[in-house]
Every structure is written in structure tokens, then in C-alpha cells.
Amino acid sequence: MLFDVINFLLEVVSTLIGGACLLRMYMHWRGMGMGNPVGRLVMALSDWLVRPLQRALPPSAKVDAANLLGAWLLKLVQYGVFMAMLGMTHWALLPVLALLGVGKLAASVATALIVVAAVLSWTQPHSPVADVLNRLTAPLLAPLRRFIPLVGGVDLTPMAAVVVLQVLGMVLGSAQARLLGAGLLAAV
């Protein structure tokens, strides 16, 4: 029971803060300012972690690797605690597990952006948050929009993108499970 609670809390914290780091990196890559409501939230959640990392990895014009490193470090700690609680000793798996975890997190962040943007497009299409989310999701949906036509005037690309992202998350989760299974067998 205690294991499940600790694992759940670590997942929530690493998802919230790591997701903010990845969203911050994506917004930087897209050239978006942080003065909008989404940017302010992302900065509030991730500044304490990213600012010190930016001293070692200063951002370039398009890439802010400190954000990616921050998300990876959070996943590294999460899976490190998980492995320690399970008594696993195959620590060489930890960096790869964390990298796969960041991939799953990126798929989850993209899914959340698409879902929230779609809901806001129906309920509050002119809100400042809807505009920011539309600018963030447009590059994710553009490739699908070339192949998926409107159906009765309804854009189905957000749904298709969510399905693709969920499959990607499953594939990455399966890879993690295989690695953890190999690590558990080595620990026994």
C-alpha cells in the first residue's frame, strides 16, 4: 500500500513539473513568449528546476535543452526511487527508463494540449488560453489534416492525433515494462 502511494505521488509530481518543462521547451522552440496564461503557469511550475540548469546549458535560439534535462532528471529520480523500493540493483537501466519516461510524458503533454484545445474550441473559442493552445497544437495536427478531411464540417484530426499519441505511449510503456522485467529478473 505504501509503495503504491509513494509511486503515485512521484508520478503526479514528475508529470506535473516534467510536463511543464517539456511544454516550456516546446513553447521556446515555437518562439512563443511566456507572458500568456499558459506560459506563466509553465514558468511558475518549472522555474526552480530549469533556471539553475540553464546556467550549465544556456538556451539557443531554438533549443532550450535545460528543460529536457529537467524533465529527464525528474523521471530519473522517480524511477530511481521506484527501483530502490523494489530492491532492484540493475541501475544501468535507470537512464534508459527515464528517457522512455520522458517520451511517454511528451505524448501525454501533447495529448492534454490537443484535448484541452478541442474542448476550448467548442466552449470558449475566443479566450486567450484557446489562442495559445491552438498555436501550440497546430503543428501537431497539420500532418494529419493533410490526410483527414472534415466530416460534416467537423475536424476529426484531434481525435486521430490523440489515438496516435496513446499508441505511442503504450509502445513506450511496453518498452519500459520489458526493461523493468529484465531488471527484476536480474535482481532475483
N, C-alpha and C. Protein backbone atom coordinates (compact mmCIF):
# COMPACT_ATOMS: atom_id res chain seq x y z
N MET A 1 0.83 -1.19 0.00
CA MET A 1 0.00 0.00 0.00
C MET A 1 0.87 1.26 0.00
N LEU A 2 1.86 1.30 0.90
CA LEU A 2 2.75 2.46 0.98
C LEU A 2 3.52 2.63 -0.33
N PHE A 3 3.93 1.51 -0.91
CA PHE A 3 4.64 1.55 -2.20
C PHE A 3 3.76 2.22 -3.26
N ASP A 4 2.48 1.83 -3.33
CA ASP A 4 1.56 2.39 -4.31
C ASP A 4 1.36 3.88 -4.11
N VAL A 5 1.23 4.31 -2.86
CA VAL A 5 1.04 5.73 -2.55
C VAL A 5 2.26 6.54 -2.96
N ILE A 6 3.44 6.07 -2.59
CA ILE A 6 4.68 6.78 -2.93
C ILE A 6 4.85 6.82 -4.45
N ASN A 7 4.62 5.70 -5.11
CA ASN A 7 4.74 5.64 -6.56
C ASN A 7 3.76 6.61 -7.23
N PHE A 8 2.53 6.66 -6.74
CA PHE A 8 1.52 7.56 -7.29
C PHE A 8 1.94 9.03 -7.11
N LEU A 9 2.38 9.38 -5.90
CA LEU A 9 2.77 10.77 -5.64
C LEU A 9 3.97 11.18 -6.48
N LEU A 10 4.93 10.29 -6.65
CA LEU A 10 6.08 10.59 -7.51
C LEU A 10 5.64 10.77 -8.96
N GLU A 11 4.70 9.96 -9.40
CA GLU A 11 4.19 10.08 -10.77
C GLU A 11 3.49 11.43 -10.97
N VAL A 12 2.68 11.83 -10.01
CA VAL A 12 1.97 13.11 -10.11
C VAL A 12 2.96 14.28 -10.17
N VAL A 13 3.93 14.29 -9.26
CA VAL A 13 4.89 15.39 -9.22
C VAL A 13 5.74 15.42 -10.48
N SER A 14 6.27 14.27 -10.89
CA SER A 14 7.14 14.26 -12.07
C SER A 14 6.35 14.58 -13.33
N THR A 15 5.08 14.20 -13.39
CA THR A 15 4.26 14.51 -14.56
C THR A 15 3.93 16.00 -14.61
N LEU A 16 3.56 16.57 -13.49
CA LEU A 16 3.20 17.98 -13.45
C LEU A 16 4.39 18.88 -13.77
N ILE A 17 5.48 18.67 -13.07
CA ILE A 17 6.65 19.54 -13.25
C ILE A 17 7.40 19.18 -14.53
N GLY A 18 7.57 17.88 -14.80
CA GLY A 18 8.23 17.46 -16.03
C GLY A 18 7.44 17.87 -17.26
N GLY A 19 6.12 17.77 -17.18
CA GLY A 19 5.28 18.23 -18.28
C GLY A 19 5.42 19.72 -18.52
N ALA A 20 5.54 20.49 -17.43
CA ALA A 20 5.77 21.94 -17.56
C ALA A 20 7.11 22.20 -18.22
N CYS A 21 8.12 21.43 -17.86
CA CYS A 21 9.44 21.58 -18.50
C CYS A 21 9.36 21.31 -20.00
N LEU A 22 8.68 20.23 -20.39
CA LEU A 22 8.57 19.90 -21.80
C LEU A 22 7.74 20.93 -22.56
N LEU A 23 6.67 21.41 -21.94
CA LEU A 23 5.85 22.43 -22.57
C LEU A 23 6.63 23.74 -22.72
N ARG A 24 7.43 24.05 -21.73
CA ARG A 24 8.29 25.24 -21.79
C ARG A 24 9.29 25.12 -22.94
N MET A 25 9.88 23.94 -23.09
CA MET A 25 10.83 23.70 -24.19
C MET A 25 10.12 23.84 -25.54
N TYR A 26 8.93 23.29 -25.65
CA TYR A 26 8.17 23.36 -26.90
C TYR A 26 7.78 24.80 -27.21
N MET A 27 7.35 25.55 -26.21
CA MET A 27 6.98 26.94 -26.43
C MET A 27 8.20 27.76 -26.86
N HIS A 28 9.36 27.47 -26.29
CA HIS A 28 10.59 28.15 -26.70
C HIS A 28 10.91 27.82 -28.15
N TRP A 29 10.79 26.54 -28.51
CA TRP A 29 11.07 26.11 -29.87
C TRP A 29 10.12 26.78 -30.87
N ARG A 30 8.86 26.97 -30.47
CA ARG A 30 7.87 27.62 -31.33
C ARG A 30 8.02 29.14 -31.34
N GLY A 31 8.93 29.68 -30.50
CA GLY A 31 9.15 31.12 -30.45
C GLY A 31 8.03 31.88 -29.75
N MET A 32 7.35 31.20 -28.85
CA MET A 32 6.23 31.82 -28.14
C MET A 32 6.73 32.46 -26.85
N GLY A 33 6.22 33.62 -26.53
CA GLY A 33 6.56 34.28 -25.28
C GLY A 33 5.89 33.59 -24.10
N MET A 34 6.38 33.91 -22.92
CA MET A 34 5.83 33.30 -21.71
C MET A 34 4.89 34.25 -20.96
N GLY A 35 4.50 35.35 -21.60
CA GLY A 35 3.62 36.32 -20.94
C GLY A 35 2.15 35.93 -20.99
N ASN A 36 1.80 34.88 -21.71
CA ASN A 36 0.40 34.43 -21.79
C ASN A 36 0.07 33.56 -20.57
N PRO A 37 -1.20 33.25 -20.36
CA PRO A 37 -1.58 32.46 -19.18
C PRO A 37 -0.90 31.09 -19.10
N VAL A 38 -0.76 30.42 -20.23
CA VAL A 38 -0.11 29.11 -20.24
C VAL A 38 1.37 29.26 -19.89
N GLY A 39 2.04 30.23 -20.49
CA GLY A 39 3.45 30.48 -20.22
C GLY A 39 3.72 30.81 -18.76
N ARG A 40 2.85 31.61 -18.17
CA ARG A 40 3.04 31.97 -16.76
C ARG A 40 2.90 30.75 -15.86
N LEU A 41 1.94 29.88 -16.16
CA LEU A 41 1.78 28.65 -15.38
C LEU A 41 3.00 27.75 -15.52
N VAL A 42 3.47 27.59 -16.75
CA VAL A 42 4.63 26.74 -17.03
C VAL A 42 5.85 27.27 -16.29
N MET A 43 6.05 28.58 -16.33
CA MET A 43 7.20 29.20 -15.64
C MET A 43 7.09 28.99 -14.12
N ALA A 44 5.90 29.18 -13.58
CA ALA A 44 5.72 29.02 -12.13
C ALA A 44 6.03 27.60 -11.69
N LEU A 45 5.68 26.62 -12.49
CA LEU A 45 5.91 25.23 -12.12
C LEU A 45 7.35 24.79 -12.31
N SER A 46 8.05 25.35 -13.30
CA SER A 46 9.34 24.79 -13.68
C SER A 46 10.55 25.67 -13.42
N ASP A 47 10.35 26.93 -13.09
CA ASP A 47 11.49 27.86 -12.95
C ASP A 47 12.52 27.38 -11.94
N TRP A 48 12.08 26.86 -10.82
CA TRP A 48 13.00 26.45 -9.75
C TRP A 48 13.97 25.38 -10.23
N LEU A 49 13.56 24.57 -11.19
CA LEU A 49 14.39 23.49 -11.70
C LEU A 49 15.18 23.92 -12.93
N VAL A 50 14.54 24.64 -13.84
CA VAL A 50 15.15 24.95 -15.12
C VAL A 50 16.18 26.06 -15.02
N ARG A 51 15.91 27.09 -14.24
CA ARG A 51 16.86 28.23 -14.15
C ARG A 51 18.27 27.78 -13.78
N PRO A 52 18.47 26.98 -12.74
CA PRO A 52 19.84 26.54 -12.44
C PRO A 52 20.45 25.69 -13.56
N LEU A 53 19.64 24.88 -14.22
CA LEU A 53 20.14 24.05 -15.31
C LEU A 53 20.54 24.90 -16.52
N GLN A 54 19.87 26.03 -16.70
CA GLN A 54 20.19 26.91 -17.83
C GLN A 54 21.56 27.57 -17.67
N ARG A 55 22.07 27.62 -16.45
CA ARG A 55 23.43 28.15 -16.27
C ARG A 55 24.46 27.22 -16.91
N ALA A 56 24.20 25.92 -16.81
CA ALA A 56 25.10 24.94 -17.42
C ALA A 56 24.79 24.73 -18.90
N LEU A 57 23.50 24.81 -19.26
CA LEU A 57 23.06 24.61 -20.64
C LEU A 57 22.24 25.83 -21.08
N PRO A 58 22.90 26.91 -21.46
CA PRO A 58 22.12 28.10 -21.86
C PRO A 58 21.29 27.82 -23.11
N PRO A 59 20.11 28.42 -23.17
CA PRO A 59 19.26 28.17 -24.33
C PRO A 59 19.82 28.82 -25.59
N SER A 60 19.61 28.14 -26.72
CA SER A 60 19.97 28.73 -28.01
C SER A 60 18.72 29.37 -28.59
N ALA A 61 18.80 29.79 -29.83
CA ALA A 61 17.65 30.44 -30.47
C ALA A 61 16.44 29.52 -30.54
N LYS A 62 16.66 28.24 -30.81
CA LYS A 62 15.54 27.31 -30.97
C LYS A 62 15.45 26.24 -29.89
N VAL A 63 16.56 25.89 -29.27
CA VAL A 63 16.57 24.76 -28.35
C VAL A 63 16.92 25.22 -26.94
N ASP A 64 16.11 24.79 -25.98
CA ASP A 64 16.40 25.02 -24.57
C ASP A 64 16.53 23.65 -23.91
N ALA A 65 17.72 23.09 -24.01
CA ALA A 65 17.97 21.72 -23.54
C ALA A 65 17.84 21.59 -22.03
N ALA A 66 17.95 22.68 -21.30
CA ALA A 66 17.81 22.61 -19.84
C ALA A 66 16.42 22.10 -19.45
N ASN A 67 15.42 22.42 -20.23
CA ASN A 67 14.07 21.93 -19.96
C ASN A 67 13.98 20.42 -20.14
N LEU A 68 14.57 19.92 -21.22
CA LEU A 68 14.58 18.48 -21.46
C LEU A 68 15.36 17.76 -20.36
N LEU A 69 16.50 18.33 -19.98
CA LEU A 69 17.30 17.76 -18.90
C LEU A 69 16.50 17.74 -17.60
N GLY A 70 15.77 18.82 -17.32
CA GLY A 70 14.95 18.88 -16.11
C GLY A 70 13.91 17.78 -16.08
N ALA A 71 13.20 17.57 -17.19
CA ALA A 71 12.19 16.51 -17.26
C ALA A 71 12.85 15.15 -17.08
N TRP A 72 14.00 14.95 -17.72
CA TRP A 72 14.71 13.67 -17.61
C TRP A 72 15.17 13.43 -16.17
N LEU A 73 15.68 14.46 -15.51
CA LEU A 73 16.13 14.31 -14.11
C LEU A 73 14.96 13.94 -13.20
N LEU A 74 13.81 14.55 -13.43
CA LEU A 74 12.63 14.21 -12.62
C LEU A 74 12.25 12.74 -12.81
N LYS A 75 12.26 12.29 -14.05
CA LYS A 75 11.94 10.88 -14.32
C LYS A 75 13.03 9.97 -13.75
N LEU A 76 14.27 10.42 -13.79
CA LEU A 76 15.38 9.64 -13.24
C LEU A 76 15.17 9.43 -11.73
N VAL A 77 14.80 10.48 -11.03
CA VAL A 77 14.54 10.37 -9.59
C VAL A 77 13.33 9.46 -9.34
N GLN A 78 12.27 9.68 -10.12
CA GLN A 78 11.06 8.86 -9.94
C GLN A 78 11.37 7.38 -10.09
N TYR A 79 12.04 7.00 -11.18
CA TYR A 79 12.33 5.60 -11.42
C TYR A 79 13.43 5.08 -10.50
N GLY A 80 14.33 5.96 -10.07
CA GLY A 80 15.35 5.55 -9.11
C GLY A 80 14.72 5.15 -7.78
N VAL A 81 13.77 5.95 -7.30
CA VAL A 81 13.06 5.60 -6.06
C VAL A 81 12.25 4.32 -6.26
N PHE A 82 11.60 4.21 -7.41
CA PHE A 82 10.83 3.01 -7.73
C PHE A 82 11.72 1.77 -7.69
N MET A 83 12.87 1.83 -8.33
CA MET A 83 13.78 0.69 -8.37
C MET A 83 14.32 0.37 -6.97
N ALA A 84 14.65 1.41 -6.20
CA ALA A 84 15.16 1.19 -4.85
C ALA A 84 14.10 0.52 -3.97
N MET A 85 12.84 0.95 -4.12
CA MET A 85 11.78 0.36 -3.31
C MET A 85 11.52 -1.10 -3.70
N LEU A 86 11.78 -1.43 -4.96
CA LEU A 86 11.62 -2.82 -5.40
C LEU A 86 12.86 -3.67 -5.12
N GLY A 87 13.93 -3.04 -4.67
CA GLY A 87 15.17 -3.76 -4.41
C GLY A 87 15.93 -4.13 -5.66
N MET A 88 15.68 -3.42 -6.74
CA MET A 88 16.38 -3.71 -8.00
C MET A 88 17.80 -3.17 -7.93
N THR A 89 18.72 -3.89 -8.50
CA THR A 89 20.12 -3.48 -8.46
C THR A 89 20.70 -3.23 -9.86
N HIS A 90 19.88 -3.32 -10.86
CA HIS A 90 20.32 -3.11 -12.24
C HIS A 90 20.22 -1.62 -12.59
N TRP A 91 21.08 -0.81 -11.98
CA TRP A 91 20.99 0.64 -12.11
C TRP A 91 21.35 1.14 -13.49
N ALA A 92 21.99 0.33 -14.31
CA ALA A 92 22.32 0.74 -15.67
C ALA A 92 21.06 0.97 -16.51
N LEU A 93 19.95 0.38 -16.11
CA LEU A 93 18.68 0.57 -16.82
C LEU A 93 18.06 1.94 -16.55
N LEU A 94 18.44 2.56 -15.45
CA LEU A 94 17.78 3.78 -14.99
C LEU A 94 17.78 4.91 -16.02
N PRO A 95 18.91 5.25 -16.66
CA PRO A 95 18.85 6.35 -17.64
C PRO A 95 17.93 6.06 -18.82
N VAL A 96 17.89 4.81 -19.26
CA VAL A 96 17.03 4.45 -20.39
C VAL A 96 15.57 4.48 -19.96
N LEU A 97 15.27 3.98 -18.76
CA LEU A 97 13.90 4.05 -18.24
C LEU A 97 13.43 5.50 -18.16
N ALA A 98 14.31 6.37 -17.69
CA ALA A 98 13.96 7.79 -17.58
C ALA A 98 13.74 8.41 -18.96
N LEU A 99 14.55 8.05 -19.93
CA LEU A 99 14.39 8.57 -21.29
C LEU A 99 13.05 8.11 -21.89
N LEU A 100 12.73 6.85 -21.71
CA LEU A 100 11.43 6.35 -22.17
C LEU A 100 10.29 7.05 -21.43
N GLY A 101 10.51 7.31 -20.14
CA GLY A 101 9.51 8.04 -19.35
C GLY A 101 9.28 9.44 -19.87
N VAL A 102 10.35 10.10 -20.30
CA VAL A 102 10.21 11.44 -20.89
C VAL A 102 9.44 11.35 -22.20
N GLY A 103 9.68 10.32 -22.99
CA GLY A 103 8.92 10.13 -24.22
C GLY A 103 7.43 9.94 -23.95
N LYS A 104 7.11 9.11 -22.95
CA LYS A 104 5.71 8.91 -22.56
C LYS A 104 5.10 10.22 -22.07
N LEU A 105 5.89 10.97 -21.29
CA LEU A 105 5.42 12.24 -20.77
C LEU A 105 5.14 13.22 -21.91
N ALA A 106 6.01 13.25 -22.90
CA ALA A 106 5.80 14.14 -24.06
C ALA A 106 4.51 13.77 -24.78
N ALA A 107 4.24 12.47 -24.93
CA ALA A 107 3.00 12.04 -25.56
C ALA A 107 1.79 12.46 -24.72
N SER A 108 1.92 12.37 -23.41
CA SER A 108 0.82 12.78 -22.52
C SER A 108 0.59 14.28 -22.57
N VAL A 109 1.66 15.06 -22.60
CA VAL A 109 1.54 16.52 -22.68
C VAL A 109 0.87 16.91 -23.99
N ALA A 110 1.31 16.31 -25.09
CA ALA A 110 0.71 16.62 -26.39
C ALA A 110 -0.77 16.23 -26.40
N THR A 111 -1.10 15.09 -25.81
CA THR A 111 -2.50 14.65 -25.73
C THR A 111 -3.33 15.66 -24.95
N ALA A 112 -2.82 16.08 -23.80
CA ALA A 112 -3.54 17.04 -22.97
C ALA A 112 -3.75 18.37 -23.72
N LEU A 113 -2.72 18.84 -24.40
CA LEU A 113 -2.85 20.08 -25.18
C LEU A 113 -3.95 19.96 -26.22
N ILE A 114 -3.95 18.85 -26.93
CA ILE A 114 -4.94 18.65 -28.00
C ILE A 114 -6.35 18.56 -27.44
N VAL A 115 -6.52 17.82 -26.35
CA VAL A 115 -7.85 17.65 -25.76
C VAL A 115 -8.37 18.98 -25.21
N VAL A 116 -7.54 19.70 -24.47
CA VAL A 116 -7.97 20.98 -23.90
C VAL A 116 -8.26 21.98 -25.02
N ALA A 117 -7.41 22.01 -26.04
CA ALA A 117 -7.65 22.93 -27.17
C ALA A 117 -8.97 22.60 -27.86
N ALA A 118 -9.26 21.32 -28.04
CA ALA A 118 -10.51 20.92 -28.70
C ALA A 118 -11.72 21.33 -27.86
N VAL A 119 -11.64 21.09 -26.56
CA VAL A 119 -12.76 21.46 -25.68
C VAL A 119 -12.96 22.98 -25.68
N LEU A 120 -11.86 23.72 -25.59
CA LEU A 120 -11.98 25.18 -25.61
C LEU A 120 -12.51 25.70 -26.94
N SER A 121 -12.21 25.01 -28.02
CA SER A 121 -12.71 25.45 -29.33
C SER A 121 -14.24 25.36 -29.39
N TRP A 122 -14.81 24.47 -28.58
CA TRP A 122 -16.26 24.35 -28.54
C TRP A 122 -16.90 25.29 -27.51
N THR A 123 -16.19 25.50 -26.39
CA THR A 123 -16.80 26.23 -25.27
C THR A 123 -16.38 27.69 -25.18
N GLN A 124 -15.10 27.98 -25.39
CA GLN A 124 -14.59 29.35 -25.28
C GLN A 124 -13.57 29.61 -26.38
N PRO A 125 -14.01 29.66 -27.61
CA PRO A 125 -13.05 29.75 -28.73
C PRO A 125 -12.27 31.06 -28.78
N HIS A 126 -12.72 32.09 -28.11
CA HIS A 126 -12.04 33.39 -28.19
C HIS A 126 -11.25 33.73 -26.94
N SER A 127 -11.07 32.77 -26.05
CA SER A 127 -10.31 33.06 -24.83
C SER A 127 -8.81 33.11 -25.15
N PRO A 128 -8.04 33.84 -24.33
CA PRO A 128 -6.59 33.92 -24.58
C PRO A 128 -5.91 32.55 -24.49
N VAL A 129 -6.39 31.68 -23.62
CA VAL A 129 -5.81 30.34 -23.48
C VAL A 129 -6.08 29.53 -24.75
N ALA A 130 -7.27 29.66 -25.31
CA ALA A 130 -7.60 28.91 -26.53
C ALA A 130 -6.66 29.30 -27.67
N ASP A 131 -6.37 30.59 -27.78
CA ASP A 131 -5.45 31.05 -28.83
C ASP A 131 -4.06 30.44 -28.66
N VAL A 132 -3.56 30.44 -27.44
CA VAL A 132 -2.23 29.86 -27.17
C VAL A 132 -2.23 28.37 -27.48
N LEU A 133 -3.25 27.67 -27.03
CA LEU A 133 -3.31 26.22 -27.27
C LEU A 133 -3.47 25.91 -28.76
N ASN A 134 -4.21 26.72 -29.48
CA ASN A 134 -4.33 26.50 -30.93
C ASN A 134 -2.99 26.68 -31.62
N ARG A 135 -2.20 27.67 -31.20
CA ARG A 135 -0.87 27.86 -31.79
C ARG A 135 0.06 26.72 -31.42
N LEU A 136 -0.12 26.13 -30.24
CA LEU A 136 0.72 25.00 -29.83
C LEU A 136 0.33 23.71 -30.54
N THR A 137 -0.95 23.51 -30.76
CA THR A 137 -1.39 22.24 -31.35
C THR A 137 -1.39 22.24 -32.88
N ALA A 138 -1.39 23.40 -33.50
CA ALA A 138 -1.44 23.46 -34.98
C ALA A 138 -0.34 22.63 -35.63
N PRO A 139 0.93 22.72 -35.19
CA PRO A 139 1.96 21.90 -35.85
C PRO A 139 1.79 20.41 -35.60
N LEU A 140 1.16 20.04 -34.50
CA LEU A 140 0.93 18.62 -34.20
C LEU A 140 -0.18 18.05 -35.08
N LEU A 141 -1.15 18.88 -35.40
CA LEU A 141 -2.31 18.42 -36.17
C LEU A 141 -2.14 18.59 -37.67
N ALA A 142 -1.25 19.49 -38.10
CA ALA A 142 -1.10 19.80 -39.53
C ALA A 142 -0.82 18.57 -40.40
N PRO A 143 0.07 17.66 -40.00
CA PRO A 143 0.30 16.49 -40.88
C PRO A 143 -0.96 15.64 -41.07
N LEU A 144 -1.75 15.51 -40.01
CA LEU A 144 -2.97 14.71 -40.12
C LEU A 144 -4.04 15.41 -40.94
N ARG A 145 -4.06 16.74 -40.88
CA ARG A 145 -5.07 17.49 -41.62
C ARG A 145 -4.89 17.35 -43.14
N ARG A 146 -3.69 16.98 -43.56
CA ARG A 146 -3.48 16.76 -45.00
C ARG A 146 -4.18 15.50 -45.49
N PHE A 147 -4.42 14.56 -44.57
CA PHE A 147 -4.99 13.26 -44.96
C PHE A 147 -6.43 13.05 -44.49
N ILE A 148 -6.82 13.76 -43.44
CA ILE A 148 -8.16 13.53 -42.87
C ILE A 148 -9.05 14.71 -43.22
N PRO A 149 -10.06 14.49 -44.05
CA PRO A 149 -10.95 15.61 -44.42
C PRO A 149 -11.93 15.91 -43.29
N LEU A 150 -12.54 17.08 -43.38
CA LEU A 150 -13.62 17.41 -42.46
C LEU A 150 -14.79 16.45 -42.72
N VAL A 151 -15.43 16.03 -41.66
CA VAL A 151 -16.58 15.13 -41.80
C VAL A 151 -17.79 15.88 -41.29
N GLY A 152 -18.66 16.29 -42.21
CA GLY A 152 -19.83 17.07 -41.82
C GLY A 152 -19.44 18.39 -41.17
N GLY A 153 -18.31 18.95 -41.59
CA GLY A 153 -17.84 20.22 -41.03
C GLY A 153 -17.10 20.06 -39.71
N VAL A 154 -16.86 18.83 -39.28
CA VAL A 154 -16.18 18.57 -38.00
C VAL A 154 -14.75 18.09 -38.28
N ASP A 155 -13.81 18.69 -37.59
CA ASP A 155 -12.40 18.32 -37.72
C ASP A 155 -12.11 17.13 -36.80
N LEU A 156 -11.80 16.00 -37.39
CA LEU A 156 -11.53 14.79 -36.62
C LEU A 156 -10.03 14.59 -36.33
N THR A 157 -9.19 15.51 -36.81
CA THR A 157 -7.76 15.33 -36.60
C THR A 157 -7.35 15.33 -35.13
N PRO A 158 -7.99 16.11 -34.24
CA PRO A 158 -7.60 15.99 -32.83
C PRO A 158 -7.82 14.58 -32.29
N MET A 159 -8.92 13.96 -32.67
CA MET A 159 -9.19 12.60 -32.20
C MET A 159 -8.15 11.63 -32.75
N ALA A 160 -7.84 11.77 -34.03
CA ALA A 160 -6.83 10.88 -34.64
C ALA A 160 -5.47 11.09 -33.99
N ALA A 161 -5.12 12.33 -33.71
CA ALA A 161 -3.83 12.62 -33.07
C ALA A 161 -3.77 12.00 -31.68
N VAL A 162 -4.86 12.09 -30.94
CA VAL A 162 -4.90 11.50 -29.59
C VAL A 162 -4.72 9.99 -29.67
N VAL A 163 -5.35 9.36 -30.65
CA VAL A 163 -5.19 7.90 -30.82
C VAL A 163 -3.74 7.56 -31.11
N VAL A 164 -3.11 8.29 -32.02
CA VAL A 164 -1.70 8.04 -32.36
C VAL A 164 -0.81 8.25 -31.13
N LEU A 165 -1.06 9.32 -30.38
CA LEU A 165 -0.25 9.60 -29.19
C LEU A 165 -0.45 8.54 -28.11
N GLN A 166 -1.67 8.05 -27.97
CA GLN A 166 -1.92 6.99 -26.99
C GLN A 166 -1.21 5.70 -27.37
N VAL A 167 -1.21 5.37 -28.65
CA VAL A 167 -0.48 4.18 -29.11
C VAL A 167 1.01 4.35 -28.84
N LEU A 168 1.54 5.54 -29.13
CA LEU A 168 2.95 5.82 -28.85
C LEU A 168 3.25 5.64 -27.36
N GLY A 169 2.37 6.15 -26.51
CA GLY A 169 2.55 5.97 -25.07
C GLY A 169 2.54 4.51 -24.66
N MET A 170 1.68 3.72 -25.28
CA MET A 170 1.64 2.27 -24.99
C MET A 170 2.92 1.58 -25.41
N VAL A 171 3.43 1.94 -26.57
CA VAL A 171 4.67 1.33 -27.06
C VAL A 171 5.82 1.66 -26.12
N LEU A 172 5.92 2.91 -25.72
CA LEU A 172 6.99 3.31 -24.79
C LEU A 172 6.82 2.65 -23.43
N GLY A 173 5.58 2.55 -22.95
CA GLY A 173 5.31 1.87 -21.69
C GLY A 173 5.68 0.40 -21.73
N SER A 174 5.40 -0.22 -22.87
CA SER A 174 5.75 -1.63 -23.05
C SER A 174 7.26 -1.81 -23.03
N ALA A 175 7.98 -0.89 -23.66
CA ALA A 175 9.45 -0.96 -23.64
C ALA A 175 9.96 -0.81 -22.22
N GLN A 176 9.36 0.09 -21.45
CA GLN A 176 9.75 0.24 -20.04
C GLN A 176 9.47 -1.04 -19.26
N ALA A 177 8.32 -1.64 -19.48
CA ALA A 177 7.96 -2.86 -18.75
C ALA A 177 8.93 -3.98 -19.07
N ARG A 178 9.33 -4.09 -20.35
CA ARG A 178 10.31 -5.12 -20.72
C ARG A 178 11.64 -4.87 -20.01
N LEU A 179 12.06 -3.62 -19.96
CA LEU A 179 13.31 -3.31 -19.26
C LEU A 179 13.19 -3.59 -17.76
N LEU A 180 12.08 -3.19 -17.18
CA LEU A 180 11.88 -3.46 -15.75
C LEU A 180 11.81 -4.94 -15.47
N GLY A 181 11.17 -5.70 -16.36
CA GLY A 181 11.12 -7.15 -16.20
C GLY A 181 12.50 -7.76 -16.25
N ALA A 182 13.34 -7.27 -17.16
CA ALA A 182 14.72 -7.76 -17.23
C ALA A 182 15.48 -7.38 -15.97
N GLY A 183 15.21 -6.17 -15.46
CA GLY A 183 15.88 -5.73 -14.23
C GLY A 183 15.42 -6.51 -13.00
N LEU A 184 14.13 -6.85 -12.96
CA LEU A 184 13.62 -7.64 -11.85
C LEU A 184 14.20 -9.05 -11.86
N LEU A 185 14.32 -9.63 -13.07
CA LEU A 185 14.91 -10.97 -13.15
C LEU A 185 16.38 -10.92 -12.71
N ALA A 186 17.09 -9.86 -13.04
CA ALA A 186 18.49 -9.74 -12.63
C ALA A 186 18.62 -9.49 -11.14
N ALA A 187 17.60 -8.88 -10.53
CA ALA A 187 17.66 -8.59 -9.10
C ALA A 187 17.38 -9.83 -8.25
N VAL A 188 16.71 -10.82 -8.84
CA VAL A 188 16.33 -12.02 -8.08
C VAL A 188 17.47 -12.98 -7.98
